[in-house]
PDB file of N, CA and C in Angstrom:
ATOM      1  N   MET A   1     -16.336 -18.270-249.415  1.00  0.00           N
ATOM      2  CA  MET A   1     -15.073 -18.047-249.274  1.00  0.00           C
ATOM      3  C   MET A   1     -14.406 -17.881-250.730  1.00  0.00           C
ATOM      4  N   HIS A   2     -13.758 -16.861-250.918  1.00  0.00           N
ATOM      5  CA  HIS A   2     -12.989 -16.765-252.152  1.00  0.00           C
ATOM      6  C   HIS A   2     -11.527 -17.007-251.899  1.00  0.00           C
ATOM      7  N   LEU A   3     -10.778 -17.955-252.674  1.00  0.00           N
ATOM      8  CA  LEU A   3      -9.431 -18.270-252.363  1.00  0.00           C
ATOM      9  C   LEU A   3      -8.458 -18.071-253.505  1.00  0.00           C
ATOM     10  N   GLY A   4      -8.795 -17.012-254.313  1.00  0.00           N
ATOM     11  CA  GLY A   4      -7.844 -16.600-255.400  1.00  0.00           C
ATOM     12  C   GLY A   4      -6.659 -15.977-254.931  1.00  0.00           C
ATOM     13  N   THR A   5      -6.040 -15.141-255.792  1.00  0.00           N
ATOM     14  CA  THR A   5      -4.844 -14.427-255.379  1.00  0.00           C
ATOM     15  C   THR A   5      -5.013 -13.483-254.239  1.00  0.00           C
ATOM     16  N   THR A   6      -6.181 -13.009-254.062  1.00  0.00           N
ATOM     17  CA  THR A   6      -6.631 -12.182-252.960  1.00  0.00           C
ATOM     18  C   THR A   6      -7.790 -12.833-252.243  1.00  0.00           C
ATOM     19  N   PRO A   7      -7.454 -13.634-251.275  1.00  0.00           N
ATOM     20  CA  PRO A   7      -8.633 -14.437-250.601  1.00  0.00           C
ATOM     21  C   PRO A   7      -9.441 -13.450-249.798  1.00  0.00           C
ATOM     22  N   CYS A   8     -10.663 -13.757-249.756  1.00  0.00           N
ATOM     23  CA  CYS A   8     -11.631 -13.073-248.807  1.00  0.00           C
ATOM     24  C   CYS A   8     -12.702 -14.064-248.337  1.00  0.00           C
ATOM     25  N   VAL A   9     -13.309 -13.587-247.188  1.00  0.00           N
ATOM     26  CA  VAL A   9     -14.382 -14.317-246.509  1.00  0.00           C
ATOM     27  C   VAL A   9     -15.544 -13.501-246.340  1.00  0.00           C
ATOM     28  N   SER A  10     -16.673 -13.923-246.604  1.00  0.00           N
ATOM     29  CA  SER A  10     -17.945 -13.256-246.311  1.00  0.00           C
ATOM     30  C   SER A  10     -18.750 -14.199-245.382  1.00  0.00           C
ATOM     31  N   ARG A  11     -19.291 -13.754-244.313  1.00  0.00           N
ATOM     32  CA  ARG A  11     -20.050 -14.498-243.369  1.00  0.00           C
ATOM     33  C   ARG A  11     -21.383 -13.949-243.474  1.00  0.00           C
ATOM     34  N   VAL A  12     -22.389 -14.834-243.493  1.00  0.00           N
ATOM     35  CA  VAL A  12     -23.778 -14.514-243.460  1.00  0.00           C
ATOM     36  C   VAL A  12     -24.260 -15.254-242.117  1.00  0.00           C
ATOM     37  N   PHE A  13     -25.014 -14.402-241.404  1.00  0.00           N
ATOM     38  CA  PHE A  13     -25.549 -14.748-240.082  1.00  0.00           C
ATOM     39  C   PHE A  13     -26.962 -15.032-240.210  1.00  0.00           C
ATOM     40  N   ILE A  14     -27.460 -15.868-239.288  1.00  0.00           N
ATOM     41  CA  ILE A  14     -28.861 -16.399-239.206  1.00  0.00           C
ATOM     42  C   ILE A  14     -29.833 -15.173-239.086  1.00  0.00           C
ATOM     43  N   ASP A  15     -29.498 -14.116-238.322  1.00  0.00           N
ATOM     44  CA  ASP A  15     -30.253 -12.936-238.330  1.00  0.00           C
ATOM     45  C   ASP A  15     -30.210 -12.063-239.425  1.00  0.00           C
ATOM     46  N   GLY A  16     -29.549 -12.397-240.494  1.00  0.00           N
ATOM     47  CA  GLY A  16     -29.537 -11.665-241.722  1.00  0.00           C
ATOM     48  C   GLY A  16     -28.312 -10.773-241.927  1.00  0.00           C
ATOM     49  N   GLY A  17     -27.642 -10.645-240.873  1.00  0.00           N
ATOM     50  CA  GLY A  17     -26.399  -9.766-240.870  1.00  0.00           C
ATOM     51  C   GLY A  17     -25.250 -10.486-241.756  1.00  0.00           C
ATOM     52  N   SER A  18     -24.303  -9.708-242.101  1.00  0.00           N
ATOM     53  CA  SER A  18     -23.221 -10.246-242.904  1.00  0.00           C
ATOM     54  C   SER A  18     -22.006  -9.415-242.832  1.00  0.00           C
ATOM     55  N   ASP A  19     -20.894  -9.902-243.094  1.00  0.00           N
ATOM     56  CA  ASP A  19     -19.664  -9.153-243.178  1.00  0.00           C
ATOM     57  C   ASP A  19     -18.766  -9.732-244.147  1.00  0.00           C
ATOM     58  N   ALA A  20     -17.798  -8.950-244.696  1.00  0.00           N
ATOM     59  CA  ALA A  20     -16.866  -9.380-245.665  1.00  0.00           C
ATOM     60  C   ALA A  20     -15.542  -8.851-245.239  1.00  0.00           C
ATOM     61  N   GLN A  21     -14.478  -9.652-245.493  1.00  0.00           N
ATOM     62  CA  GLN A  21     -13.138  -9.225-245.237  1.00  0.00           C
ATOM     63  C   GLN A  21     -12.137  -9.861-246.076  1.00  0.00           C
ATOM     64  N   THR A  22     -11.171  -9.158-246.554  1.00  0.00           N
ATOM     65  CA  THR A  22     -10.043  -9.636-247.326  1.00  0.00           C
ATOM     66  C   THR A  22      -8.928 -10.170-246.360  1.00  0.00           C
ATOM     67  N   ILE A  23      -8.438 -11.312-246.860  1.00  0.00           N
ATOM     68  CA  ILE A  23      -7.424 -11.977-246.078  1.00  0.00           C
ATOM     69  C   ILE A  23      -6.033 -11.908-246.856  1.00  0.00           C
ATOM     70  N   ARG A  24      -4.983 -11.371-246.050  1.00  0.00           N
ATOM     71  CA  ARG A  24      -3.660 -11.302-246.738  1.00  0.00           C
ATOM     72  C   ARG A  24      -2.873 -12.571-246.467  1.00  0.00           C
ATOM     73  N   LEU A  25      -2.486 -13.227-247.563  1.00  0.00           N
ATOM     74  CA  LEU A  25      -1.584 -14.367-247.404  1.00  0.00           C
ATOM     75  C   LEU A  25      -0.420 -14.089-248.297  1.00  0.00           C
ATOM     76  N   GLU A  26       0.725 -14.608-247.922  1.00  0.00           N
ATOM     77  CA  GLU A  26       1.895 -14.476-248.780  1.00  0.00           C
ATOM     78  C   GLU A  26       1.754 -15.466-249.979  1.00  0.00           C
ATOM     79  N   GLY A  27       2.382 -15.284-250.958  1.00  0.00           N
ATOM     80  CA  GLY A  27       2.291 -16.013-252.205  1.00  0.00           C
ATOM     81  C   GLY A  27       2.831 -17.492-252.290  1.00  0.00           C
ATOM     82  N   ASN A  28       3.640 -17.850-251.275  1.00  0.00           N
ATOM     83  CA  ASN A  28       4.351 -19.140-251.412  1.00  0.00           C
ATOM     84  C   ASN A  28       3.153 -20.269-250.849  1.00  0.00           C
ATOM     85  N   ILE A  29       3.395 -21.431-251.380  1.00  0.00           N
ATOM     86  CA  ILE A  29       2.467 -22.551-251.088  1.00  0.00           C
ATOM     87  C   ILE A  29       2.261 -22.785-249.630  1.00  0.00           C
ATOM     88  N   CYS A  30       3.338 -22.734-248.816  1.00  0.00           N
ATOM     89  CA  CYS A  30       3.256 -22.945-247.426  1.00  0.00           C
ATOM     90  C   CYS A  30       2.274 -21.941-246.738  1.00  0.00           C
ATOM     91  N   SER A  31       2.444 -20.742-247.095  1.00  0.00           N
ATOM     92  CA  SER A  31       1.588 -19.702-246.515  1.00  0.00           C
ATOM     93  C   SER A  31       0.177 -19.864-246.829  1.00  0.00           C
ATOM     94  N   ARG A  32       0.001 -20.176-248.104  1.00  0.00           N
ATOM     95  CA  ARG A  32      -1.492 -20.315-248.581  1.00  0.00           C
ATOM     96  C   ARG A  32      -2.010 -21.607-248.086  1.00  0.00           C
ATOM     97  N   THR A  33      -1.259 -22.638-247.878  1.00  0.00           N
ATOM     98  CA  THR A  33      -1.936 -23.894-247.364  1.00  0.00           C
ATOM     99  C   THR A  33      -2.332 -23.686-245.838  1.00  0.00           C
ATOM    100  N   VAL A  34      -1.274 -23.091-245.063  1.00  0.00           N
ATOM    101  CA  VAL A  34      -1.593 -22.866-243.714  1.00  0.00           C
ATOM    102  C   VAL A  34      -2.716 -21.786-243.497  1.00  0.00           C
ATOM    103  N   GLY A  35      -2.606 -20.774-244.460  1.00  0.00           N
ATOM    104  CA  GLY A  35      -3.551 -19.802-244.385  1.00  0.00           C
ATOM    105  C   GLY A  35      -4.961 -20.139-244.764  1.00  0.00           C
ATOM    106  N   GLY A  36      -5.129 -21.041-245.629  1.00  0.00           N
ATOM    107  CA  GLY A  36      -6.374 -21.588-246.124  1.00  0.00           C
ATOM    108  C   GLY A  36      -7.086 -22.307-244.956  1.00  0.00           C
ATOM    109  N   SER A  37      -6.370 -23.104-244.256  1.00  0.00           N
ATOM    110  CA  SER A  37      -6.896 -23.816-243.101  1.00  0.00           C
ATOM    111  C   SER A  37      -7.181 -22.718-242.019  1.00  0.00           C
ATOM    112  N   GLY A  38      -6.426 -21.819-241.752  1.00  0.00           N
ATOM    113  CA  GLY A  38      -6.596 -20.842-240.697  1.00  0.00           C
ATOM    114  C   GLY A  38      -7.896 -19.967-240.974  1.00  0.00           C
ATOM    115  N   ILE A  39      -8.229 -19.749-242.322  1.00  0.00           N
ATOM    116  CA  ILE A  39      -9.332 -19.028-242.562  1.00  0.00           C
ATOM    117  C   ILE A  39     -10.512 -19.608-241.992  1.00  0.00           C
ATOM    118  N   ILE A  40     -10.638 -21.045-242.218  1.00  0.00           N
ATOM    119  CA  ILE A  40     -11.783 -21.744-241.704  1.00  0.00           C
ATOM    120  C   ILE A  40     -11.835 -21.780-240.244  1.00  0.00           C
ATOM    121  N   VAL A  41     -10.682 -21.992-239.642  1.00  0.00           N
ATOM    122  CA  VAL A  41     -10.609 -22.117-238.083  1.00  0.00           C
ATOM    123  C   VAL A  41     -10.992 -20.812-237.411  1.00  0.00           C
ATOM    124  N   ARG A  42     -10.528 -19.689-238.028  1.00  0.00           N
ATOM    125  CA  ARG A  42     -10.843 -18.310-237.382  1.00  0.00           C
ATOM    126  C   ARG A  42     -12.260 -17.901-237.713  1.00  0.00           C
ATOM    127  N   ASN A  43     -12.826 -18.338-238.879  1.00  0.00           N
ATOM    128  CA  ASN A  43     -14.088 -17.671-239.221  1.00  0.00           C
ATOM    129  C   ASN A  43     -15.288 -18.692-239.156  1.00  0.00           C
ATOM    130  N   ALA A  44     -15.113 -19.810-238.624  1.00  0.00           N
ATOM    131  CA  ALA A  44     -16.246 -20.785-238.462  1.00  0.00           C
ATOM    132  C   ALA A  44     -16.320 -21.213-237.046  1.00  0.00           C
ATOM    133  N   PRO A  45     -17.148 -20.368-236.274  1.00  0.00           N
ATOM    134  CA  PRO A  45     -17.428 -20.598-234.834  1.00  0.00           C
ATOM    135  C   PRO A  45     -18.159 -21.856-234.671  1.00  0.00           C
ATOM    136  N   PRO A  46     -18.355 -22.385-233.504  1.00  0.00           N
ATOM    137  CA  PRO A  46     -19.151 -23.577-233.282  1.00  0.00           C
ATOM    138  C   PRO A  46     -20.648 -23.550-233.957  1.00  0.00           C
ATOM    139  N   GLU A  47     -21.224 -22.425-233.891  1.00  0.00           N
ATOM    140  CA  GLU A  47     -22.586 -22.313-234.472  1.00  0.00           C
ATOM    141  C   GLU A  47     -22.631 -22.300-235.919  1.00  0.00           C
ATOM    142  N   CYS A  48     -21.400 -22.346-236.648  1.00  0.00           N
ATOM    143  CA  CYS A  48     -21.478 -22.330-238.089  1.00  0.00           C
ATOM    144  C   CYS A  48     -22.085 -23.557-238.617  1.00  0.00           C
ATOM    145  N   THR A  49     -23.012 -23.335-239.688  1.00  0.00           N
ATOM    146  CA  THR A  49     -23.806 -24.413-240.244  1.00  0.00           C
ATOM    147  C   THR A  49     -23.137 -24.932-241.602  1.00  0.00           C
ATOM    148  N   GLY A  50     -22.195 -24.281-242.085  1.00  0.00           N
ATOM    149  CA  GLY A  50     -21.487 -24.799-243.364  1.00  0.00           C
ATOM    150  C   GLY A  50     -20.628 -23.733-243.935  1.00  0.00           C
ATOM    151  N   VAL A  51     -19.803 -24.116-244.907  1.00  0.00           N
ATOM    152  CA  VAL A  51     -18.886 -23.316-245.583  1.00  0.00           C
ATOM    153  C   VAL A  51     -19.133 -23.451-247.028  1.00  0.00           C
ATOM    154  N   CYS A  52     -19.125 -22.364-247.886  1.00  0.00           N
ATOM    155  CA  CYS A  52     -19.266 -22.318-249.170  1.00  0.00           C
ATOM    156  C   CYS A  52     -17.938 -21.838-249.849  1.00  0.00           C
ATOM    157  N   ILE A  53     -17.362 -22.592-250.685  1.00  0.00           N
ATOM    158  CA  ILE A  53     -16.057 -22.124-251.306  1.00  0.00           C
ATOM    159  C   ILE A  53     -16.221 -21.953-252.690  1.00  0.00           C
ATOM    160  N   GLU A  54     -15.667 -20.776-253.250  1.00  0.00           N
ATOM    161  CA  GLU A  54     -15.829 -20.452-254.678  1.00  0.00           C
ATOM    162  C   GLU A  54     -14.995 -21.402-255.453  1.00  0.00           C
ATOM    163  N   GLU A  55     -15.650 -21.902-256.547  1.00  0.00           N
ATOM    164  CA  GLU A  55     -14.848 -22.817-257.459  1.00  0.00           C
ATOM    165  C   GLU A  55     -13.819 -21.964-258.189  1.00  0.00           C
ATOM    166  N   PRO A  56     -12.745 -22.604-258.749  1.00  0.00           N
ATOM    167  CA  PRO A  56     -11.729 -21.828-259.369  1.00  0.00           C
ATOM    168  C   PRO A  56     -12.262 -21.139-260.551  1.00  0.00           C
ATOM    169  N   PHE A  57     -11.682 -19.989-260.836  1.00  0.00           N
ATOM    170  CA  PHE A  57     -11.985 -19.142-262.035  1.00  0.00           C
ATOM    171  C   PHE A  57     -10.746 -19.367-262.989  1.00  0.00           C
ATOM    172  N   PHE A  58     -11.074 -19.881-264.131  1.00  0.00           N
ATOM    173  CA  PHE A  58      -9.923 -20.250-265.004  1.00  0.00           C
ATOM    174  C   PHE A  58      -9.406 -19.159-265.932  1.00  0.00           C
ATOM    175  N   GLY A  59      -9.672 -17.931-265.613  1.00  0.00           N
ATOM    176  CA  GLY A  59      -9.318 -16.735-266.518  1.00  0.00           C
ATOM    177  C   GLY A  59      -7.904 -16.462-266.411  1.00  0.00           C
ATOM    178  N   GLN A  60      -7.272 -16.618-265.256  1.00  0.00           N
ATOM    179  CA  GLN A  60      -5.801 -16.176-265.089  1.00  0.00           C
ATOM    180  C   GLN A  60      -5.080 -17.382-264.380  1.00  0.00           C
ATOM    181  N   PHE A  61      -4.028 -17.789-264.963  1.00  0.00           N
ATOM    182  CA  PHE A  61      -3.205 -18.954-264.357  1.00  0.00           C
ATOM    183  C   PHE A  61      -2.732 -18.658-262.991  1.00  0.00           C
ATOM    184  N   SER A  62      -2.384 -17.330-262.722  1.00  0.00           N
ATOM    185  CA  SER A  62      -1.824 -17.019-261.436  1.00  0.00           C
ATOM    186  C   SER A  62      -2.986 -17.236-260.351  1.00  0.00           C
ATOM    187  N   SER A  63      -4.270 -16.980-260.669  1.00  0.00           N
ATOM    188  CA  SER A  63      -5.344 -17.245-259.747  1.00  0.00           C
ATOM    189  C   SER A  63      -5.502 -18.699-259.554  1.00  0.00           C
ATOM    190  N   VAL A  64      -5.469 -19.419-260.579  1.00  0.00           N
ATOM    191  CA  VAL A  64      -5.695 -20.991-260.411  1.00  0.00           C
ATOM    192  C   VAL A  64      -4.545 -21.533-259.667  1.00  0.00           C
ATOM    193  N   LYS A  65      -3.305 -21.192-259.952  1.00  0.00           N
ATOM    194  CA  LYS A  65      -2.171 -21.727-259.288  1.00  0.00           C
ATOM    195  C   LYS A  65      -2.236 -21.477-257.782  1.00  0.00           C
ATOM    196  N   ALA A  66      -2.656 -20.224-257.478  1.00  0.00           N
ATOM    197  CA  ALA A  66      -2.787 -19.959-255.959  1.00  0.00           C
ATOM    198  C   ALA A  66      -3.967 -20.572-255.321  1.00  0.00           C
ATOM    199  N   PHE A  67      -4.929 -20.943-256.140  1.00  0.00           N
ATOM    200  CA  PHE A  67      -6.109 -21.475-255.532  1.00  0.00           C
ATOM    201  C   PHE A  67      -6.065 -22.925-254.981  1.00  0.00           C
ATOM    202  N   PHE A  68      -5.513 -23.801-255.772  1.00  0.00           N
ATOM    203  CA  PHE A  68      -5.571 -25.237-255.473  1.00  0.00           C
ATOM    204  C   PHE A  68      -4.997 -25.608-254.048  1.00  0.00           C
ATOM    205  N   PRO A  69      -3.755 -25.145-253.673  1.00  0.00           N
ATOM    206  CA  PRO A  69      -3.260 -25.570-252.365  1.00  0.00           C
ATOM    207  C   PRO A  69      -4.181 -25.002-251.253  1.00  0.00           C
ATOM    208  N   THR A  70      -4.648 -23.736-251.460  1.00  0.00           N
ATOM    209  CA  THR A  70      -5.596 -23.166-250.488  1.00  0.00           C
ATOM    210  C   THR A  70      -6.925 -24.001-250.435  1.00  0.00           C
ATOM    211  N   LEU A  71      -7.405 -24.373-251.483  1.00  0.00           N
ATOM    212  CA  LEU A  71      -8.667 -25.135-251.511  1.00  0.00           C
ATOM    213  C   LEU A  71      -8.504 -26.425-250.814  1.00  0.00           C
ATOM    214  N   GLY A  72      -7.419 -27.181-250.982  1.00  0.00           N
ATOM    215  CA  GLY A  72      -7.245 -28.329-250.328  1.00  0.00           C
ATOM    216  C   GLY A  72      -7.199 -28.175-248.873  1.00  0.00           C
ATOM    217  N   ALA A  73      -6.477 -27.165-248.418  1.00  0.00           N
ATOM    218  CA  ALA A  73      -6.375 -26.900-246.934  1.00  0.00           C
ATOM    219  C   ALA A  73      -7.682 -26.411-246.344  1.00  0.00           C
ATOM    220  N   ALA A  74      -8.405 -25.666-247.131  1.00  0.00           N
ATOM    221  CA  ALA A  74      -9.815 -25.324-246.615  1.00  0.00           C
ATOM    222  C   ALA A  74     -10.771 -26.442-246.471  1.00  0.00           C
ATOM    223  N   VAL A  75     -10.721 -27.329-247.569  1.00  0.00           N
ATOM    224  CA  VAL A  75     -11.631 -28.516-247.544  1.00  0.00           C
ATOM    225  C   VAL A  75     -11.227 -29.400-246.351  1.00  0.00           C
ATOM    226  N   LEU A  76      -9.948 -29.607-246.194  1.00  0.00           N
ATOM    227  CA  LEU A  76      -9.424 -30.499-245.058  1.00  0.00           C
ATOM    228  C   LEU A  76      -9.823 -29.944-243.754  1.00  0.00           C
ATOM    229  N   ALA A  77      -9.740 -28.592-243.488  1.00  0.00           N
ATOM    230  CA  ALA A  77     -10.112 -27.894-242.282  1.00  0.00           C
ATOM    231  C   ALA A  77     -11.609 -28.086-241.977  1.00  0.00           C
ATOM    232  N   CYS A  78     -12.459 -28.089-243.005  1.00  0.00           N
ATOM    233  CA  CYS A  78     -13.820 -28.287-242.863  1.00  0.00           C
ATOM    234  C   CYS A  78     -14.133 -29.762-242.519  1.00  0.00           C
ATOM    235  N   GLU A  79     -13.463 -30.612-243.133  1.00  0.00           N
ATOM    236  CA  GLU A  79     -13.690 -32.040-242.880  1.00  0.00           C
ATOM    237  C   GLU A  79     -13.177 -32.323-241.386  1.00  0.00           C
ATOM    238  N   LEU A  80     -12.091 -31.833-240.913  1.00  0.00           N
ATOM    239  CA  LEU A  80     -11.546 -31.998-239.540  1.00  0.00           C
ATOM    240  C   LEU A  80     -12.542 -31.418-238.607  1.00  0.00           C
ATOM    241  N   ALA A  81     -13.123 -30.274-238.910  1.00  0.00           N
ATOM    242  CA  ALA A  81     -14.071 -29.658-237.991  1.00  0.00           C
ATOM    243  C   ALA A  81     -15.533 -30.173-237.983  1.00  0.00           C
ATOM    244  N   GLY A  82     -15.741 -31.183-238.924  1.00  0.00           N
ATOM    245  CA  GLY A  82     -17.039 -31.668-239.171  1.00  0.00           C
ATOM    246  C   GLY A  82     -18.065 -30.634-239.735  1.00  0.00           C
ATOM    247  N   LEU A  83     -17.517 -29.713-240.583  1.00  0.00           N
ATOM    248  CA  LEU A  83     -18.425 -28.647-241.151  1.00  0.00           C
ATOM    249  C   LEU A  83     -18.778 -29.145-242.515  1.00  0.00           C
ATOM    250  N   PRO A  84     -20.089 -29.062-242.890  1.00  0.00           N
ATOM    251  CA  PRO A  84     -20.460 -29.370-244.250  1.00  0.00           C
ATOM    252  C   PRO A  84     -19.821 -28.295-245.133  1.00  0.00           C
ATOM    253  N   TRP A  85     -19.393 -28.575-246.349  1.00  0.00           N
ATOM    254  CA  TRP A  85     -18.877 -27.610-247.306  1.00  0.00           C
ATOM    255  C   TRP A  85     -19.423 -27.879-248.616  1.00  0.00           C
ATOM    256  N   SER A  86     -19.472 -26.752-249.456  1.00  0.00           N
ATOM    257  CA  SER A  86     -19.769 -26.965-250.799  1.00  0.00           C
ATOM    258  C   SER A  86     -19.064 -26.007-251.667  1.00  0.00           C
ATOM    259  N   ALA A  87     -18.977 -26.187-252.903  1.00  0.00           N
ATOM    260  CA  ALA A  87     -18.274 -25.395-253.854  1.00  0.00           C
ATOM    261  C   ALA A  87     -19.335 -24.679-254.700  1.00  0.00           C
ATOM    262  N   ILE A  88     -19.231 -23.451-255.059  1.00  0.00           N
ATOM    263  CA  ILE A  88     -20.096 -22.649-255.792  1.00  0.00           C
ATOM    264  C   ILE A  88     -19.380 -22.076-257.003  1.00  0.00           C
ATOM    265  N   ASN A  89     -20.028 -22.059-258.204  1.00  0.00           N
ATOM    266  CA  ASN A  89     -19.591 -21.367-259.322  1.00  0.00           C
ATOM    267  C   ASN A  89     -19.937 -19.939-259.333  1.00  0.00           C
ATOM    268  N   LEU A  90     -18.973 -19.013-259.346  1.00  0.00           N
ATOM    269  CA  LEU A  90     -19.196 -17.653-259.239  1.00  0.00           C
ATOM    270  C   LEU A  90     -20.122 -17.114-260.199  1.00  0.00           C
ATOM    271  N   SER A  91     -20.090 -17.434-261.498  1.00  0.00           N
ATOM    272  CA  SER A  91     -20.913 -16.979-262.475  1.00  0.00           C
ATOM    273  C   SER A  91     -22.429 -17.253-262.043  1.00  0.00           C
ATOM    274  N   ARG A  92     -22.678 -18.462-261.551  1.00  0.00           N
ATOM    275  CA  ARG A  92     -24.009 -18.868-261.237  1.00  0.00           C
ATOM    276  C   ARG A  92     -24.457 -18.082-259.994  1.00  0.00           C
ATOM    277  N   LEU A  93     -23.593 -17.746-259.156  1.00  0.00           N
ATOM    278  CA  LEU A  93     -24.006 -16.935-257.943  1.00  0.00           C
ATOM    279  C   LEU A  93     -24.336 -15.495-258.429  1.00  0.00           C
ATOM    280  N   LYS A  94     -23.481 -14.946-259.265  1.00  0.00           N
ATOM    281  CA  LYS A  94     -23.769 -13.663-259.871  1.00  0.00           C
ATOM    282  C   LYS A  94     -25.112 -13.630-260.650  1.00  0.00           C
ATOM    283  N   LEU A  95     -25.316 -14.689-261.404  1.00  0.00           N
ATOM    284  CA  LEU A  95     -26.520 -14.685-262.134  1.00  0.00           C
ATOM    285  C   LEU A  95     -27.832 -14.790-261.168  1.00  0.00           C
ATOM    286  N   HIS A  96     -27.688 -15.446-260.209  1.00  0.00           N
ATOM    287  CA  HIS A  96     -28.767 -15.632-259.171  1.00  0.00           C
ATOM    288  C   HIS A  96     -28.978 -14.342-258.567  1.00  0.00           C
ATOM    289  N   ALA A  97     -27.871 -13.720-258.114  1.00  0.00           N
ATOM    290  CA  ALA A  97     -27.963 -12.331-257.345  1.00  0.00           C
ATOM    291  C   ALA A  97     -28.475 -11.149-258.177  1.00  0.00           C
ATOM    292  N   THR A  98     -27.902 -11.076-259.384  1.00  0.00           N
ATOM    293  CA  THR A  98     -28.053  -9.850-260.141  1.00  0.00           C
ATOM    294  C   THR A  98     -28.827 -10.076-261.529  1.00  0.00           C
ATOM    295  N   GLY A  99     -28.964 -11.323-261.996  1.00  0.00           N
ATOM    296  CA  GLY A  99     -29.621 -11.655-263.312  1.00  0.00           C
ATOM    297  C   GLY A  99     -28.507 -11.559-264.349  1.00  0.00           C
ATOM    298  N   LYS A 100     -27.160 -11.234-263.976  1.00  0.00           N
ATOM    299  CA  LYS A 100     -26.074 -11.318-265.009  1.00  0.00           C
ATOM    300  C   LYS A 100     -25.020 -12.128-264.516  1.00  0.00           C
ATOM    301  N   GLY A 101     -24.543 -13.091-265.235  1.00  0.00           N
ATOM    302  CA  GLY A 101     -23.457 -13.982-264.848  1.00  0.00           C
ATOM    303  C   GLY A 101     -22.009 -13.247-264.877  1.00  0.00           C
ATOM    304  N   ASN A 102     -21.978 -12.090-265.371  1.00  0.00           N
ATOM    305  CA  ASN A 102     -20.690 -11.408-265.316  1.00  0.00           C
ATOM    306  C   ASN A 102     -20.768 -10.008-264.579  1.00  0.00           C
ATOM    307  N   ALA A 103     -21.735 -10.056-263.578  1.00  0.00           N
ATOM    308  CA  ALA A 103     -21.831  -8.840-262.713  1.00  0.00           C
ATOM    309  C   ALA A 103     -20.518  -8.461-262.052  1.00  0.00           C
ATOM    310  N   ARG A 104     -20.256  -7.203-261.882  1.00  0.00           N
ATOM    311  CA  ARG A 104     -19.104  -6.607-261.269  1.00  0.00           C
ATOM    312  C   ARG A 104     -19.383  -6.523-259.738  1.00  0.00           C
ATOM    313  N   LYS A 105     -18.308  -6.243-259.064  1.00  0.00           N
ATOM    314  CA  LYS A 105     -18.411  -6.139-257.648  1.00  0.00           C
ATOM    315  C   LYS A 105     -19.516  -5.079-257.215  1.00  0.00           C
ATOM    316  N   PRO A 106     -19.558  -3.877-257.720  1.00  0.00           N
ATOM    317  CA  PRO A 106     -20.576  -2.908-257.226  1.00  0.00           C
ATOM    318  C   PRO A 106     -22.038  -3.467-257.529  1.00  0.00           C
ATOM    319  N   GLU A 107     -22.271  -4.174-258.507  1.00  0.00           N
ATOM    320  CA  GLU A 107     -23.577  -4.789-258.711  1.00  0.00           C
ATOM    321  C   GLU A 107     -23.894  -5.786-257.773  1.00  0.00           C
ATOM    322  N   MET A 108     -22.859  -6.618-257.346  1.00  0.00           N
ATOM    323  CA  MET A 108     -23.052  -7.680-256.265  1.00  0.00           C
ATOM    324  C   MET A 108     -23.292  -7.002-254.920  1.00  0.00           C
ATOM    325  N   GLN A 109     -22.550  -5.912-254.739  1.00  0.00           N
ATOM    326  CA  GLN A 109     -22.712  -5.306-253.447  1.00  0.00           C
ATOM    327  C   GLN A 109     -24.167  -4.605-253.308  1.00  0.00           C
ATOM    328  N   ALA A 110     -24.584  -4.067-254.444  1.00  0.00           N
ATOM    329  CA  ALA A 110     -25.948  -3.429-254.539  1.00  0.00           C
ATOM    330  C   ALA A 110     -27.046  -4.634-254.275  1.00  0.00           C
ATOM    331  N   ALA A 111     -26.744  -5.737-254.924  1.00  0.00           N
ATOM    332  CA  ALA A 111     -27.763  -6.902-254.763  1.00  0.00           C
ATOM    333  C   ALA A 111     -27.787  -7.317-253.307  1.00  0.00           C
ATOM    334  N   ALA A 112     -26.691  -7.382-252.620  1.00  0.00           N
ATOM    335  CA  ALA A 112     -26.538  -7.760-251.163  1.00  0.00           C
ATOM    336  C   ALA A 112     -27.327  -6.769-250.364  1.00  0.00           C
ATOM    337  N   LYS A 113     -27.147  -5.457-250.714  1.00  0.00           N
ATOM    338  CA  LYS A 113     -27.778  -4.359-249.951  1.00  0.00           C
ATOM    339  C   LYS A 113     -29.316  -4.486-250.063  1.00  0.00           C
ATOM    340  N   ALA A 114     -29.742  -4.742-251.324  1.00  0.00           N
ATOM    341  CA  ALA A 114     -31.169  -4.816-251.592  1.00  0.00           C
ATOM    342  C   ALA A 114     -31.773  -6.015-250.886  1.00  0.00           C
ATOM    343  N   ARG A 115     -30.979  -7.138-250.847  1.00  0.00           N
ATOM    344  CA  ARG A 115     -31.532  -8.366-250.069  1.00  0.00           C
ATOM    345  C   ARG A 115     -31.515  -8.245-248.581  1.00  0.00           C
ATOM    346  N   TRP A 116     -30.349  -7.831-248.024  1.00  0.00           N
ATOM    347  CA  TRP A 116     -30.237  -7.807-246.722  1.00  0.00           C
ATOM    348  C   TRP A 116     -30.169  -6.408-245.953  1.00  0.00           C
ATOM    349  N   GLY A 117     -30.192  -5.393-246.824  1.00  0.00           N
ATOM    350  CA  GLY A 117     -30.169  -4.127-246.215  1.00  0.00           C
ATOM    351  C   GLY A 117     -28.726  -3.660-245.503  1.00  0.00           C
ATOM    352  N   VAL A 118     -27.709  -4.334-246.026  1.00  0.00           N
ATOM    353  CA  VAL A 118     -26.342  -4.166-245.447  1.00  0.00           C
ATOM    354  C   VAL A 118     -25.432  -3.761-246.442  1.00  0.00           C
ATOM    355  N   ASP A 119     -24.629  -2.870-246.245  1.00  0.00           N
ATOM    356  CA  ASP A 119     -23.516  -2.537-247.209  1.00  0.00           C
ATOM    357  C   ASP A 119     -22.276  -3.534-247.028  1.00  0.00           C
ATOM    358  N   LEU A 120     -21.992  -4.219-248.040  1.00  0.00           N
ATOM    359  CA  LEU A 120     -20.861  -5.139-247.953  1.00  0.00           C
ATOM    360  C   LEU A 120     -19.662  -4.359-248.648  1.00  0.00           C
ATOM    361  N   LYS A 121     -18.572  -4.173-247.847  1.00  0.00           N
ATOM    362  CA  LYS A 121     -17.386  -3.602-248.396  1.00  0.00           C
ATOM    363  C   LYS A 121     -16.335  -4.610-248.398  1.00  0.00           C
ATOM    364  N   GLY A 122     -15.510  -4.603-249.459  1.00  0.00           N
ATOM    365  CA  GLY A 122     -14.285  -5.528-249.563  1.00  0.00           C
ATOM    366  C   GLY A 122     -14.012  -5.903-250.778  1.00  0.00           C
TER     367      GLY A 122
END
């Protein structure tokens, strides 16, 4: 789950399938907090085995400012649902997937397609 200024969710299924979707939230703290919790509730069915949340990217203040209320709400929703959660550093994920810590979205999409045979749009 990416919770920056434009939140998005990618789900990976046990059968290897996956999907990605952008979530539209208003910029105010109330909308982000309720929205962060709602992202978990809507996208984590009973068979969900865990949630991975992207760590904050400290490049832009607007992204960080938008991130923290949403992060708190997402973590709380995971805890209340009994879902294990972890935070992931995006640069490490990119390095693992493509060999480059600064890979762009098309490179990440190509890596996902090569690994799972599925086009991820989003």
